[in-house]
Amino acid sequence: MVQAGEDMIINLDGRPVARLTAVGRRPQFIIRQEFVRRFLSRQADPELRADLDELAADTTDDLPPL
């Protein structure tokens, strides 16, 4: 069983195509400084804000209710 730590091989037409493994546990709590360090090192593309603002300008107010 994968949950017990055992890997499983996925076969397609008798050939191994993938390996299914258990995901390691992630810490549930990290200190603020560590969170900020991780967050700041993975910020989105700076142009993303402009693209999102442009897309969000449109609304769905003219559509009928579901």
C-alpha atoms as a PDB file:
ATOM      1  CA  MET A   1       0.000   0.000   0.000  1.00  0.00           C
ATOM      2  CA  VAL A   2       1.290   3.446  -0.914  1.00  0.00           C
ATOM      3  CA  GLN A   3      -0.004   4.930   2.324  1.00  0.00           C
ATOM      4  CA  ALA A   4       2.194   2.478   4.239  1.00  0.00           C
ATOM      5  CA  GLY A   5       5.253   3.700   2.306  1.00  0.00           C
ATOM      6  CA  GLU A   6       5.348   1.074  -0.440  1.00  0.00           C
ATOM      7  CA  ASP A   7       5.820   2.248  -4.055  1.00  0.00           C
ATOM      8  CA  MET A   8       3.490   0.990  -6.777  1.00  0.00           C
ATOM      9  CA  ILE A   9       4.371   0.714 -10.467  1.00  0.00           C
ATOM     10  CA  ILE A  10       1.646   1.691 -12.941  1.00  0.00           C
ATOM     11  CA  ASN A  11       1.658  -0.447 -16.107  1.00  0.00           C
ATOM     12  CA  LEU A  12       0.127   0.239 -19.505  1.00  0.00           C
ATOM     13  CA  ASP A  13      -0.025  -2.652 -21.947  1.00  0.00           C
ATOM     14  CA  GLY A  14       2.367  -4.567 -19.701  1.00  0.00           C
ATOM     15  CA  ARG A  15       4.987  -1.780 -19.681  1.00  0.00           C
ATOM     16  CA  PRO A  16       5.791   0.297 -16.587  1.00  0.00           C
ATOM     17  CA  VAL A  17       4.841   3.933 -17.243  1.00  0.00           C
ATOM     18  CA  ALA A  18       4.738   5.550 -13.804  1.00  0.00           C
ATOM     19  CA  ARG A  19       5.610   5.099 -10.153  1.00  0.00           C
ATOM     20  CA  LEU A  20       3.106   5.972  -7.415  1.00  0.00           C
ATOM     21  CA  THR A  21       4.754   6.938  -4.126  1.00  0.00           C
ATOM     22  CA  ALA A  22       3.559   8.370  -0.847  1.00  0.00           C
ATOM     23  CA  VAL A  23       3.915  12.106  -0.426  1.00  0.00           C
ATOM     24  CA  GLY A  24       6.057  13.211   2.489  1.00  0.00           C
ATOM     25  CA  ARG A  25       4.403  15.098   5.285  1.00  0.00           C
ATOM     26  CA  ARG A  26       4.636  18.854   5.144  1.00  0.00           C
ATOM     27  CA  PRO A  27       5.090  20.916   8.296  1.00  0.00           C
ATOM     28  CA  GLN A  28       1.826  22.445   9.456  1.00  0.00           C
ATOM     29  CA  PHE A  29       3.455  25.430  11.132  1.00  0.00           C
ATOM     30  CA  ILE A  30       6.424  27.542  10.160  1.00  0.00           C
ATOM     31  CA  ILE A  31       7.695  30.691  11.811  1.00  0.00           C
ATOM     32  CA  ARG A  32       6.814  34.029  10.244  1.00  0.00           C
ATOM     33  CA  GLN A  33      10.338  34.742   9.009  1.00  0.00           C
ATOM     34  CA  GLU A  34      10.452  31.404   7.160  1.00  0.00           C
ATOM     35  CA  PHE A  35       7.037  32.024   5.593  1.00  0.00           C
ATOM     36  CA  VAL A  36       8.088  35.482   4.385  1.00  0.00           C
ATOM     37  CA  ARG A  37      11.364  34.125   2.997  1.00  0.00           C
ATOM     38  CA  ARG A  38       9.549  31.403   1.044  1.00  0.00           C
ATOM     39  CA  PHE A  39       6.797  33.725  -0.135  1.00  0.00           C
ATOM     40  CA  LEU A  40       9.097  36.467  -1.356  1.00  0.00           C
ATOM     41  CA  SER A  41      11.278  34.034  -3.278  1.00  0.00           C
ATOM     42  CA  ARG A  42       8.277  32.742  -5.280  1.00  0.00           C
ATOM     43  CA  GLN A  43       6.398  35.852  -6.328  1.00  0.00           C
ATOM     44  CA  ALA A  44       4.484  35.840  -9.587  1.00  0.00           C
ATOM     45  CA  ASP A  45       5.507  37.547 -12.786  1.00  0.00           C
ATOM     46  CA  PRO A  46       5.381  41.337 -12.219  1.00  0.00           C
ATOM     47  CA  GLU A  47       3.262  41.744 -15.358  1.00  0.00           C
ATOM     48  CA  LEU A  48       0.644  39.388 -13.939  1.00  0.00           C
ATOM     49  CA  ARG A  49      -0.976  42.179 -11.879  1.00  0.00           C
ATOM     50  CA  ALA A  50      -1.556  44.312 -14.982  1.00  0.00           C
ATOM     51  CA  ASP A  51      -2.949  41.328 -16.904  1.00  0.00           C
ATOM     52  CA  LEU A  52      -5.322  40.434 -14.061  1.00  0.00           C
ATOM     53  CA  ASP A  53      -6.489  44.032 -13.693  1.00  0.00           C
ATOM     54  CA  GLU A  54      -7.242  44.160 -17.397  1.00  0.00           C
ATOM     55  CA  LEU A  55      -9.185  40.897 -17.311  1.00  0.00           C
ATOM     56  CA  ALA A  56     -11.065  41.754 -14.107  1.00  0.00           C
ATOM     57  CA  ALA A  57     -12.374  44.983 -15.619  1.00  0.00           C
ATOM     58  CA  ASP A  58     -15.104  42.991 -17.350  1.00  0.00           C
ATOM     59  CA  THR A  59     -18.085  41.795 -15.342  1.00  0.00           C
ATOM     60  CA  THR A  60     -20.812  39.237 -15.789  1.00  0.00           C
ATOM     61  CA  ASP A  61     -23.587  41.643 -14.739  1.00  0.00           C
ATOM     62  CA  ASP A  62     -25.182  41.436 -18.195  1.00  0.00           C
ATOM     63  CA  LEU A  63     -25.624  37.640 -17.982  1.00  0.00           C
ATOM     64  CA  PRO A  64     -28.886  36.078 -16.805  1.00  0.00           C
ATOM     65  CA  PRO A  65     -28.919  34.302 -13.418  1.00  0.00           C
ATOM     66  CA  LEU A  66     -28.152  30.592 -13.394  1.00  0.00           C
END
